[in-house]
Amino acid sequence: MFRTQGFNTSATLPAVNGSPAYPAGGFFSSGSSNATASQITNDFLNYVQEEMVSVVTGAGLSLAASSYNQMWLAIERAVGAHITTISTAGTTTLTADNAGLVIINATAGNITVALPSVVSPLPLRFRFIRTDSSTNVVNFTTSNTLVSLSYGTVLSPYLVLGSPVDIIGDGVSHWIWQANGANSVLSADGYEKIPDQASASGYRIRQWGTGTITITTAATYTKLTVTYPVAFPSAVLNIRATQGGTGIGVTQPKNSDGSNCIVLEGLVINNPTLTTFDVWGFDSTDLGKQDFQWEAIGY
């Protein structure tokens, strides 16, 4: 939009013409047989024009004579109503006009989101949602500073399926973000994702679970392959397993199925991958079952 450019316009905003002694109300009338229609004054037209100009410039936009949707763009910025989709691997640079919902699918490869300058007359708001479950990484870059609201530290966001991230600018120097989805699964076999800038994915993962080794041949190792609740994107750092009956026993520890624990002579972790690891159990004399609990950490 642009201010009027017609004949006989003023280079500056004229002073308001006081408060003429006209009837109270201020509504337009088409007139009647005894009165003319309402007069449209320059004061009124300037009121309307400057109200619209204030919306546009207040959102940080410059008036453009060739643009006919600047009020809508300004409202989109103010309320974060724009929708952007990103699915191409590489770097996508956002502008203030992208403020709103950003839907990301990283199936094609790693994606870097470059945030716009946080300097703005109004706080810019973005909500990022990821729709894929691939191990590809979504990173964020900015010339300003990213601060985690949850951890109160300078920290980059991590974006995973099922965990939307809200990022709001303070208008000066900081982007403040918070993850709003489930970054953990709290069950017998579960995990939690913990922000960590040292990790390429932006987080490290702690996982846990239970299992049962069944010994059918004495003095022979028996193998059980365990699958993590969620795959590690890059590496496994440590895995531990401990024998323990998860059932209820009175005179002897019980397994989860009610069978007696045999208490293995050996329990060994082997062959960890990003998705599984092996547990080997050994007993020289006893046959039967033994529950165990495990914990793994990686990123």
C-alpha atoms as a PDB file:
ATOM      1  CA  MET A   1       0.000   0.000   0.000  1.00  0.00           C
ATOM      2  CA  PHE A   2       1.001   3.629  -0.248  1.00  0.00           C
ATOM      3  CA  ARG A   3      -0.249   7.010   0.922  1.00  0.00           C
ATOM      4  CA  THR A   4      -2.444   8.961  -1.491  1.00  0.00           C
ATOM      5  CA  GLN A   5      -0.607  10.506  -4.432  1.00  0.00           C
ATOM      6  CA  GLY A   6      -3.474  12.578  -5.909  1.00  0.00           C
ATOM      7  CA  PHE A   7      -3.611  16.282  -6.697  1.00  0.00           C
ATOM      8  CA  ASN A   8      -3.642  18.860  -3.908  1.00  0.00           C
ATOM      9  CA  THR A   9      -2.170  16.481  -1.292  1.00  0.00           C
ATOM     10  CA  SER A  10      -0.128  17.665   1.673  1.00  0.00           C
ATOM     11  CA  ALA A  11       3.546  16.855   2.177  1.00  0.00           C
ATOM     12  CA  THR A  12       2.972  16.583   5.931  1.00  0.00           C
ATOM     13  CA  LEU A  13       0.091  15.382   8.057  1.00  0.00           C
ATOM     14  CA  PRO A  14      -2.221  18.373   8.607  1.00  0.00           C
ATOM     15  CA  ALA A  15      -3.330  19.269  12.104  1.00  0.00           C
ATOM     16  CA  VAL A  16      -6.738  17.925  13.059  1.00  0.00           C
ATOM     17  CA  ASN A  17      -9.490  20.470  12.540  1.00  0.00           C
ATOM     18  CA  GLY A  18     -10.395  20.719  16.221  1.00  0.00           C
ATOM     19  CA  SER A  19     -13.800  19.500  17.357  1.00  0.00           C
ATOM     20  CA  PRO A  20     -16.453  21.207  15.236  1.00  0.00           C
ATOM     21  CA  ALA A  21     -19.865  21.581  16.813  1.00  0.00           C
ATOM     22  CA  TYR A  22     -21.498  18.843  14.807  1.00  0.00           C
ATOM     23  CA  PRO A  23     -24.094  16.424  16.176  1.00  0.00           C
ATOM     24  CA  ALA A  24     -22.625  13.689  18.384  1.00  0.00           C
ATOM     25  CA  GLY A  25     -22.380  10.144  17.052  1.00  0.00           C
ATOM     26  CA  GLY A  26     -19.992  10.244  14.160  1.00  0.00           C
ATOM     27  CA  PHE A  27     -21.857   7.956  11.761  1.00  0.00           C
ATOM     28  CA  PHE A  28     -22.270   8.620   8.042  1.00  0.00           C
ATOM     29  CA  SER A  29     -25.673   9.570   6.716  1.00  0.00           C
ATOM     30  CA  SER A  30     -26.989   9.548   3.146  1.00  0.00           C
ATOM     31  CA  GLY A  31     -28.955  12.674   3.920  1.00  0.00           C
ATOM     32  CA  SER A  32     -32.669  13.362   3.568  1.00  0.00           C
ATOM     33  CA  SER A  33     -35.034  15.694   1.775  1.00  0.00           C
ATOM     34  CA  ASN A  34     -34.106  18.416   4.240  1.00  0.00           C
ATOM     35  CA  ALA A  35     -30.353  17.654   4.679  1.00  0.00           C
ATOM     36  CA  THR A  36     -27.393  16.825   2.527  1.00  0.00           C
ATOM     37  CA  ALA A  37     -25.357  13.628   2.877  1.00  0.00           C
ATOM     38  CA  SER A  38     -22.465  13.501   5.356  1.00  0.00           C
ATOM     39  CA  GLN A  39     -19.289  15.314   4.365  1.00  0.00           C
ATOM     40  CA  ILE A  40     -16.111  13.218   4.029  1.00  0.00           C
ATOM     41  CA  THR A  41     -13.384  15.352   5.571  1.00  0.00           C
ATOM     42  CA  ASN A  42      -9.635  15.248   5.078  1.00  0.00           C
ATOM     43  CA  ASP A  43      -9.317  14.508   8.802  1.00  0.00           C
ATOM     44  CA  PHE A  44     -11.377  11.344   8.445  1.00  0.00           C
ATOM     45  CA  LEU A  45      -9.484  10.144   5.367  1.00  0.00           C
ATOM     46  CA  ASN A  46      -6.160  10.737   7.111  1.00  0.00           C
ATOM     47  CA  TYR A  47      -7.398   8.815  10.152  1.00  0.00           C
ATOM     48  CA  VAL A  48      -8.236   5.802   7.970  1.00  0.00           C
ATOM     49  CA  GLN A  49      -5.049   6.034   5.927  1.00  0.00           C
ATOM     50  CA  GLU A  50      -2.713   6.404   8.914  1.00  0.00           C
ATOM     51  CA  GLU A  51      -4.379   3.585  10.848  1.00  0.00           C
ATOM     52  CA  MET A  52      -3.616   1.246   7.917  1.00  0.00           C
ATOM     53  CA  VAL A  53      -0.094   2.646   7.524  1.00  0.00           C
ATOM     54  CA  SER A  54       0.565   2.041  11.238  1.00  0.00           C
ATOM     55  CA  VAL A  55      -0.343  -1.651  10.872  1.00  0.00           C
ATOM     56  CA  VAL A  56       2.071  -2.089   7.962  1.00  0.00           C
ATOM     57  CA  THR A  57       5.017  -0.127   9.328  1.00  0.00           C
ATOM     58  CA  GLY A  58       4.452  -1.439  12.851  1.00  0.00           C
ATOM     59  CA  ALA A  59       5.162  -4.935  11.543  1.00  0.00           C
ATOM     60  CA  GLY A  60       8.482  -3.756  10.124  1.00  0.00           C
ATOM     61  CA  LEU A  61       7.361  -3.473   6.504  1.00  0.00           C
ATOM     62  CA  SER A  62       8.108  -0.515   4.228  1.00  0.00           C
ATOM     63  CA  LEU A  63       5.233   0.946   2.226  1.00  0.00           C
ATOM     64  CA  ALA A  64       5.294  -0.224  -1.389  1.00  0.00           C
ATOM     65  CA  ALA A  65       3.077   1.361  -4.047  1.00  0.00           C
ATOM     66  CA  SER A  66       3.035  -1.817  -6.134  1.00  0.00           C
ATOM     67  CA  SER A  67       1.919  -4.082  -3.267  1.00  0.00           C
ATOM     68  CA  TYR A  68      -1.740  -4.686  -2.479  1.00  0.00           C
ATOM     69  CA  ASN A  69      -1.482  -7.168   0.410  1.00  0.00           C
ATOM     70  CA  GLN A  70       0.805  -5.468   2.912  1.00  0.00           C
ATOM     71  CA  MET A  71      -1.837  -5.235   5.618  1.00  0.00           C
ATOM     72  CA  TRP A  72      -2.343  -8.995   5.375  1.00  0.00           C
ATOM     73  CA  LEU A  73       1.428  -9.624   5.438  1.00  0.00           C
ATOM     74  CA  ALA A  74       1.666  -7.405   8.520  1.00  0.00           C
ATOM     75  CA  ILE A  75      -1.127  -9.329  10.244  1.00  0.00           C
ATOM     76  CA  GLU A  76       0.542 -12.641   9.315  1.00  0.00           C
ATOM     77  CA  ARG A  77       3.749 -11.445  10.965  1.00  0.00           C
ATOM     78  CA  ALA A  78       1.947 -10.201  14.049  1.00  0.00           C
ATOM     79  CA  VAL A  79      -0.042 -13.377  14.726  1.00  0.00           C
ATOM     80  CA  GLY A  80       2.286 -15.925  13.088  1.00  0.00           C
ATOM     81  CA  ALA A  81      -0.270 -17.063  10.526  1.00  0.00           C
ATOM     82  CA  HIS A  82       2.008 -18.029   7.633  1.00  0.00           C
ATOM     83  CA  ILE A  83       2.566 -21.699   6.715  1.00  0.00           C
ATOM     84  CA  THR A  84       5.902 -22.798   5.242  1.00  0.00           C
ATOM     85  CA  THR A  85       6.935 -26.312   4.191  1.00  0.00           C
ATOM     86  CA  ILE A  86      10.556 -27.469   3.928  1.00  0.00           C
ATOM     87  CA  SER A  87      11.518 -30.822   2.411  1.00  0.00           C
ATOM     88  CA  THR A  88      14.690 -30.095   0.431  1.00  0.00           C
ATOM     89  CA  ALA A  89      18.010 -31.131   1.960  1.00  0.00           C
ATOM     90  CA  GLY A  90      20.438 -28.309   2.624  1.00  0.00           C
ATOM     91  CA  THR A  91      19.910 -24.803   3.975  1.00  0.00           C
ATOM     92  CA  THR A  92      16.589 -22.961   3.860  1.00  0.00           C
ATOM     93  CA  THR A  93      16.694 -19.289   4.853  1.00  0.00           C
ATOM     94  CA  LEU A  94      13.552 -17.930   6.483  1.00  0.00           C
ATOM     95  CA  THR A  95      12.426 -14.298   6.533  1.00  0.00           C
ATOM     96  CA  ALA A  96      10.118 -12.430   8.869  1.00  0.00           C
ATOM     97  CA  ASP A  97       7.304 -13.088   6.374  1.00  0.00           C
ATOM     98  CA  ASN A  98       7.619 -16.820   7.176  1.00  0.00           C
ATOM     99  CA  ALA A  99       6.585 -16.216  10.797  1.00  0.00           C
ATOM    100  CA  GLY A 100       4.066 -18.896  11.713  1.00  0.00           C
ATOM    101  CA  LEU A 101       3.981 -22.659  11.183  1.00  0.00           C
ATOM    102  CA  VAL A 102       6.989 -24.344   9.526  1.00  0.00           C
ATOM    103  CA  ILE A 103       6.469 -27.999   8.566  1.00  0.00           C
ATOM    104  CA  ILE A 104       9.701 -29.936   7.953  1.00  0.00           C
ATOM    105  CA  ASN A 105      10.231 -33.324   6.322  1.00  0.00           C
ATOM    106  CA  ALA A 106      13.894 -34.348   6.389  1.00  0.00           C
ATOM    107  CA  THR A 107      13.502 -37.646   4.524  1.00  0.00           C
ATOM    108  CA  ALA A 108      15.656 -36.330   1.654  1.00  0.00           C
ATOM    109  CA  GLY A 109      18.599 -35.476   3.915  1.00  0.00           C
ATOM    110  CA  ASN A 110      19.904 -33.194   6.646  1.00  0.00           C
ATOM    111  CA  ILE A 111      18.253 -29.763   6.775  1.00  0.00           C
ATOM    112  CA  THR A 112      19.575 -26.492   8.169  1.00  0.00           C
ATOM    113  CA  VAL A 113      17.067 -23.752   8.970  1.00  0.00           C
ATOM    114  CA  ALA A 114      18.546 -20.238   8.925  1.00  0.00           C
ATOM    115  CA  LEU A 115      16.422 -17.953  11.105  1.00  0.00           C
ATOM    116  CA  PRO A 116      15.938 -14.286  10.121  1.00  0.00           C
ATOM    117  CA  SER A 117      17.280 -11.404  12.166  1.00  0.00           C
ATOM    118  CA  VAL A 118      15.529 -11.241  15.503  1.00  0.00           C
ATOM    119  CA  VAL A 119      15.520  -7.425  15.342  1.00  0.00           C
ATOM    120  CA  SER A 120      11.894  -6.478  14.707  1.00  0.00           C
ATOM    121  CA  PRO A 121       9.293  -3.949  15.942  1.00  0.00           C
ATOM    122  CA  LEU A 122       7.225  -6.913  17.132  1.00  0.00           C
ATOM    123  CA  PRO A 123       8.232 -10.364  18.419  1.00  0.00           C
ATOM    124  CA  LEU A 124       8.405 -12.902  15.588  1.00  0.00           C
ATOM    125  CA  ARG A 125       6.941 -16.327  16.336  1.00  0.00           C
ATOM    126  CA  PHE A 126       7.734 -19.642  14.656  1.00  0.00           C
ATOM    127  CA  ARG A 127       6.431 -23.125  15.387  1.00  0.00           C
ATOM    128  CA  PHE A 128       8.451 -25.963  13.811  1.00  0.00           C
ATOM    129  CA  ILE A 129       6.915 -29.411  13.318  1.00  0.00           C
ATOM    130  CA  ARG A 130       8.740 -32.429  11.912  1.00  0.00           C
ATOM    131  CA  THR A 131       6.769 -35.044   9.996  1.00  0.00           C
ATOM    132  CA  ASP A 132       9.424 -37.730   9.294  1.00  0.00           C
ATOM    133  CA  SER A 133      11.102 -40.249  11.571  1.00  0.00           C
ATOM    134  CA  SER A 134      14.362 -40.571   9.627  1.00  0.00           C
ATOM    135  CA  THR A 135      17.751 -40.268  11.332  1.00  0.00           C
ATOM    136  CA  ASN A 136      18.550 -37.163   9.263  1.00  0.00           C
ATOM    137  CA  VAL A 137      19.238 -34.085  11.359  1.00  0.00           C
ATOM    138  CA  VAL A 138      17.450 -30.714  11.430  1.00  0.00           C
ATOM    139  CA  ASN A 139      19.731 -27.900  12.620  1.00  0.00           C
ATOM    140  CA  PHE A 140      19.099 -24.206  13.264  1.00  0.00           C
ATOM    141  CA  THR A 141      21.458 -21.297  12.586  1.00  0.00           C
ATOM    142  CA  THR A 142      21.148 -17.594  13.346  1.00  0.00           C
ATOM    143  CA  SER A 143      23.266 -14.460  13.576  1.00  0.00           C
ATOM    144  CA  ASN A 144      21.627 -13.894  16.971  1.00  0.00           C
ATOM    145  CA  THR A 145      21.589 -16.110  20.089  1.00  0.00           C
ATOM    146  CA  LEU A 146      19.385 -19.163  20.675  1.00  0.00           C
ATOM    147  CA  VAL A 147      18.334 -19.700  24.288  1.00  0.00           C
ATOM    148  CA  SER A 148      16.459 -22.690  25.674  1.00  0.00           C
ATOM    149  CA  LEU A 149      13.534 -21.632  27.861  1.00  0.00           C
ATOM    150  CA  SER A 150      13.487 -25.049  29.565  1.00  0.00           C
ATOM    151  CA  TYR A 151      17.200 -25.138  30.398  1.00  0.00           C
ATOM    152  CA  GLY A 152      17.908 -21.390  30.665  1.00  0.00           C
ATOM    153  CA  THR A 153      21.131 -21.726  28.686  1.00  0.00           C
ATOM    154  CA  VAL A 154      22.475 -20.889  25.249  1.00  0.00           C
ATOM    155  CA  LEU A 155      21.442 -24.000  23.359  1.00  0.00           C
ATOM    156  CA  SER A 156      20.272 -24.865  19.860  1.00  0.00           C
ATOM    157  CA  PRO A 157      16.867 -26.509  19.382  1.00  0.00           C
ATOM    158  CA  TYR A 158      16.484 -30.165  18.458  1.00  0.00           C
ATOM    159  CA  LEU A 159      13.567 -31.120  16.238  1.00  0.00           C
ATOM    160  CA  VAL A 160      12.195 -34.663  16.250  1.00  0.00           C
ATOM    161  CA  LEU A 161       8.929 -36.286  15.242  1.00  0.00           C
ATOM    162  CA  GLY A 162       6.174 -35.645  17.768  1.00  0.00           C
ATOM    163  CA  SER A 163       7.926 -32.742  19.507  1.00  0.00           C
ATOM    164  CA  PRO A 164       7.031 -29.299  18.059  1.00  0.00           C
ATOM    165  CA  VAL A 165       9.483 -26.492  18.797  1.00  0.00           C
ATOM    166  CA  ASP A 166       8.306 -22.921  19.400  1.00  0.00           C
ATOM    167  CA  ILE A 167      10.851 -20.147  18.734  1.00  0.00           C
ATOM    168  CA  ILE A 168      10.034 -16.551  19.660  1.00  0.00           C
ATOM    169  CA  GLY A 169      12.230 -13.506  19.110  1.00  0.00           C
ATOM    170  CA  ASP A 170      12.704 -10.855  21.776  1.00  0.00           C
ATOM    171  CA  GLY A 171      13.073  -8.188  19.085  1.00  0.00           C
ATOM    172  CA  VAL A 172      16.617  -7.351  20.147  1.00  0.00           C
ATOM    173  CA  SER A 173      19.203 -10.140  20.242  1.00  0.00           C
ATOM    174  CA  HIS A 174      17.759 -13.513  21.332  1.00  0.00           C
ATOM    175  CA  TRP A 175      15.636 -16.289  19.929  1.00  0.00           C
ATOM    176  CA  ILE A 176      13.961 -18.123  22.816  1.00  0.00           C
ATOM    177  CA  TRP A 177      12.776 -21.668  22.151  1.00  0.00           C
ATOM    178  CA  GLN A 178      10.948 -24.477  23.879  1.00  0.00           C
ATOM    179  CA  ALA A 179      10.106 -28.026  22.780  1.00  0.00           C
ATOM    180  CA  ASN A 180       6.454 -28.818  23.500  1.00  0.00           C
ATOM    181  CA  GLY A 181       6.054 -32.463  22.588  1.00  0.00           C
ATOM    182  CA  ALA A 182       7.025 -35.696  24.246  1.00  0.00           C
ATOM    183  CA  ASN A 183      10.834 -35.977  24.404  1.00  0.00           C
ATOM    184  CA  SER A 184      10.537 -39.108  26.470  1.00  0.00           C
ATOM    185  CA  VAL A 185       8.575 -42.331  26.710  1.00  0.00           C
ATOM    186  CA  LEU A 186       8.180 -43.294  30.360  1.00  0.00           C
ATOM    187  CA  SER A 187       7.435 -47.013  30.293  1.00  0.00           C
ATOM    188  CA  ALA A 188       9.192 -50.269  31.150  1.00  0.00           C
ATOM    189  CA  ASP A 189      10.941 -50.002  27.776  1.00  0.00           C
ATOM    190  CA  GLY A 190      11.411 -46.299  27.174  1.00  0.00           C
ATOM    191  CA  TYR A 191      13.786 -43.425  26.485  1.00  0.00           C
ATOM    192  CA  GLU A 192      14.450 -39.734  27.005  1.00  0.00           C
ATOM    193  CA  LYS A 193      16.102 -37.201  24.697  1.00  0.00           C
ATOM    194  CA  ILE A 194      18.315 -34.671  26.446  1.00  0.00           C
ATOM    195  CA  PRO A 195      19.542 -31.471  24.710  1.00  0.00           C
ATOM    196  CA  ASP A 196      23.278 -31.620  24.071  1.00  0.00           C
ATOM    197  CA  GLN A 197      25.146 -29.249  21.731  1.00  0.00           C
ATOM    198  CA  ALA A 198      28.062 -31.680  21.513  1.00  0.00           C
ATOM    199  CA  SER A 199      25.816 -34.053  19.564  1.00  0.00           C
ATOM    200  CA  ALA A 200      25.252 -33.583  15.837  1.00  0.00           C
ATOM    201  CA  SER A 201      21.546 -34.256  16.346  1.00  0.00           C
ATOM    202  CA  GLY A 202      21.287 -31.689  19.145  1.00  0.00           C
ATOM    203  CA  TYR A 203      20.506 -34.267  21.832  1.00  0.00           C
ATOM    204  CA  ARG A 204      21.721 -37.433  23.497  1.00  0.00           C
ATOM    205  CA  ILE A 205      19.438 -40.369  24.240  1.00  0.00           C
ATOM    206  CA  ARG A 206      19.144 -42.496  27.375  1.00  0.00           C
ATOM    207  CA  GLN A 207      17.169 -45.712  26.866  1.00  0.00           C
ATOM    208  CA  TRP A 208      16.167 -48.548  29.168  1.00  0.00           C
ATOM    209  CA  GLY A 209      14.231 -51.790  29.164  1.00  0.00           C
ATOM    210  CA  THR A 210      13.827 -55.337  30.406  1.00  0.00           C
ATOM    211  CA  GLY A 211      14.417 -58.809  28.993  1.00  0.00           C
ATOM    212  CA  THR A 212      14.513 -62.479  29.884  1.00  0.00           C
ATOM    213  CA  ILE A 213      17.292 -64.989  29.156  1.00  0.00           C
ATOM    214  CA  THR A 214      16.146 -68.616  28.914  1.00  0.00           C
ATOM    215  CA  ILE A 215      18.846 -71.219  29.575  1.00  0.00           C
ATOM    216  CA  THR A 216      17.981 -74.568  27.952  1.00  0.00           C
ATOM    217  CA  THR A 217      21.468 -76.078  27.852  1.00  0.00           C
ATOM    218  CA  ALA A 218      23.816 -75.956  30.844  1.00  0.00           C
ATOM    219  CA  ALA A 219      27.362 -74.678  30.430  1.00  0.00           C
ATOM    220  CA  THR A 220      26.456 -73.060  27.099  1.00  0.00           C
ATOM    221  CA  TYR A 221      25.964 -69.359  26.377  1.00  0.00           C
ATOM    222  CA  THR A 222      22.440 -68.357  25.303  1.00  0.00           C
ATOM    223  CA  LYS A 223      21.981 -65.184  23.233  1.00  0.00           C
ATOM    224  CA  LEU A 224      19.088 -62.719  23.236  1.00  0.00           C
ATOM    225  CA  THR A 225      18.983 -59.742  20.839  1.00  0.00           C
ATOM    226  CA  VAL A 226      17.424 -56.589  22.284  1.00  0.00           C
ATOM    227  CA  THR A 227      15.985 -53.815  20.078  1.00  0.00           C
ATOM    228  CA  TYR A 228      16.068 -50.274  21.449  1.00  0.00           C
ATOM    229  CA  PRO A 229      12.749 -48.403  21.733  1.00  0.00           C
ATOM    230  CA  VAL A 230      14.240 -45.791  19.362  1.00  0.00           C
ATOM    231  CA  ALA A 231      17.331 -45.955  17.150  1.00  0.00           C
ATOM    232  CA  PHE A 232      20.435 -43.965  18.046  1.00  0.00           C
ATOM    233  CA  PRO A 233      21.184 -41.494  15.198  1.00  0.00           C
ATOM    234  CA  SER A 234      25.001 -41.603  15.418  1.00  0.00           C
ATOM    235  CA  ALA A 235      26.621 -43.727  18.125  1.00  0.00           C
ATOM    236  CA  VAL A 236      26.153 -45.882  21.231  1.00  0.00           C
ATOM    237  CA  LEU A 237      28.305 -44.767  24.157  1.00  0.00           C
ATOM    238  CA  ASN A 238      27.528 -47.281  26.892  1.00  0.00           C
ATOM    239  CA  ILE A 239      25.248 -50.244  27.682  1.00  0.00           C
ATOM    240  CA  ARG A 240      24.748 -51.970  31.027  1.00  0.00           C
ATOM    241  CA  ALA A 241      22.613 -54.923  32.080  1.00  0.00           C
ATOM    242  CA  THR A 242      21.776 -56.180  35.570  1.00  0.00           C
ATOM    243  CA  GLN A 243      20.065 -59.363  36.672  1.00  0.00           C
ATOM    244  CA  GLY A 244      16.902 -58.885  38.656  1.00  0.00           C
ATOM    245  CA  GLY A 245      13.556 -60.591  39.073  1.00  0.00           C
ATOM    246  CA  THR A 246      10.669 -58.296  38.169  1.00  0.00           C
ATOM    247  CA  GLY A 247       8.033 -60.636  39.583  1.00  0.00           C
ATOM    248  CA  ILE A 248       6.817 -60.976  43.163  1.00  0.00           C
ATOM    249  CA  GLY A 249       8.551 -63.675  45.204  1.00  0.00           C
ATOM    250  CA  VAL A 250       8.026 -64.799  48.801  1.00  0.00           C
ATOM    251  CA  THR A 251      10.744 -67.369  49.431  1.00  0.00           C
ATOM    252  CA  GLN A 252      12.627 -66.960  46.130  1.00  0.00           C
ATOM    253  CA  PRO A 253      12.980 -64.136  43.557  1.00  0.00           C
ATOM    254  CA  LYS A 254      10.559 -64.463  40.656  1.00  0.00           C
ATOM    255  CA  ASN A 255      10.670 -63.478  37.013  1.00  0.00           C
ATOM    256  CA  SER A 256       7.966 -61.377  35.387  1.00  0.00           C
ATOM    257  CA  ASP A 257       6.124 -64.529  34.231  1.00  0.00           C
ATOM    258  CA  GLY A 258       6.137 -65.959  37.770  1.00  0.00           C
ATOM    259  CA  SER A 259       8.929 -68.491  37.178  1.00  0.00           C
ATOM    260  CA  ASN A 260      11.793 -68.804  39.665  1.00  0.00           C
ATOM    261  CA  CYS A 261      14.941 -66.784  38.949  1.00  0.00           C
ATOM    262  CA  ILE A 262      17.977 -69.008  38.414  1.00  0.00           C
ATOM    263  CA  VAL A 263      20.592 -66.233  38.938  1.00  0.00           C
ATOM    264  CA  LEU A 264      23.012 -66.595  36.034  1.00  0.00           C
ATOM    265  CA  GLU A 265      26.701 -67.098  36.572  1.00  0.00           C
ATOM    266  CA  GLY A 266      27.420 -64.772  33.651  1.00  0.00           C
ATOM    267  CA  LEU A 267      25.600 -61.963  31.817  1.00  0.00           C
ATOM    268  CA  VAL A 268      27.526 -60.298  28.970  1.00  0.00           C
ATOM    269  CA  ILE A 269      26.687 -57.401  26.596  1.00  0.00           C
ATOM    270  CA  ASN A 270      27.991 -57.771  23.050  1.00  0.00           C
ATOM    271  CA  ASN A 271      27.656 -56.436  19.491  1.00  0.00           C
ATOM    272  CA  PRO A 272      25.966 -53.052  20.072  1.00  0.00           C
ATOM    273  CA  THR A 273      24.575 -51.342  16.953  1.00  0.00           C
ATOM    274  CA  LEU A 274      22.444 -48.214  16.492  1.00  0.00           C
ATOM    275  CA  THR A 275      19.276 -50.306  16.750  1.00  0.00           C
ATOM    276  CA  THR A 276      20.096 -53.481  18.732  1.00  0.00           C
ATOM    277  CA  PHE A 277      22.538 -55.222  21.072  1.00  0.00           C
ATOM    278  CA  ASP A 278      23.072 -58.833  22.187  1.00  0.00           C
ATOM    279  CA  VAL A 279      22.848 -60.186  25.735  1.00  0.00           C
ATOM    280  CA  TRP A 280      24.555 -63.503  26.462  1.00  0.00           C
ATOM    281  CA  GLY A 281      23.598 -65.557  29.527  1.00  0.00           C
ATOM    282  CA  PHE A 282      25.535 -68.477  31.034  1.00  0.00           C
ATOM    283  CA  ASP A 283      25.020 -70.970  33.823  1.00  0.00           C
ATOM    284  CA  SER A 284      27.045 -74.143  34.304  1.00  0.00           C
ATOM    285  CA  THR A 285      24.316 -76.172  36.062  1.00  0.00           C
ATOM    286  CA  ASP A 286      20.887 -74.525  36.276  1.00  0.00           C
ATOM    287  CA  LEU A 287      18.268 -74.426  33.531  1.00  0.00           C
ATOM    288  CA  GLY A 288      15.472 -71.876  33.448  1.00  0.00           C
ATOM    289  CA  LYS A 289      14.834 -68.160  33.088  1.00  0.00           C
ATOM    290  CA  GLN A 290      16.381 -64.990  34.405  1.00  0.00           C
ATOM    291  CA  ASP A 291      14.998 -61.459  34.001  1.00  0.00           C
ATOM    292  CA  PHE A 292      17.379 -58.547  33.520  1.00  0.00           C
ATOM    293  CA  GLN A 293      17.195 -54.783  33.211  1.00  0.00           C
ATOM    294  CA  TRP A 294      19.337 -52.754  30.808  1.00  0.00           C
ATOM    295  CA  GLU A 295      20.257 -49.139  30.139  1.00  0.00           C
ATOM    296  CA  ALA A 296      21.967 -47.612  27.086  1.00  0.00           C
ATOM    297  CA  ILE A 297      23.272 -44.098  26.384  1.00  0.00           C
ATOM    298  CA  GLY A 298      24.123 -42.684  22.965  1.00  0.00           C
ATOM    299  CA  TYR A 299      23.433 -39.882  20.514  1.00  0.00           C
END
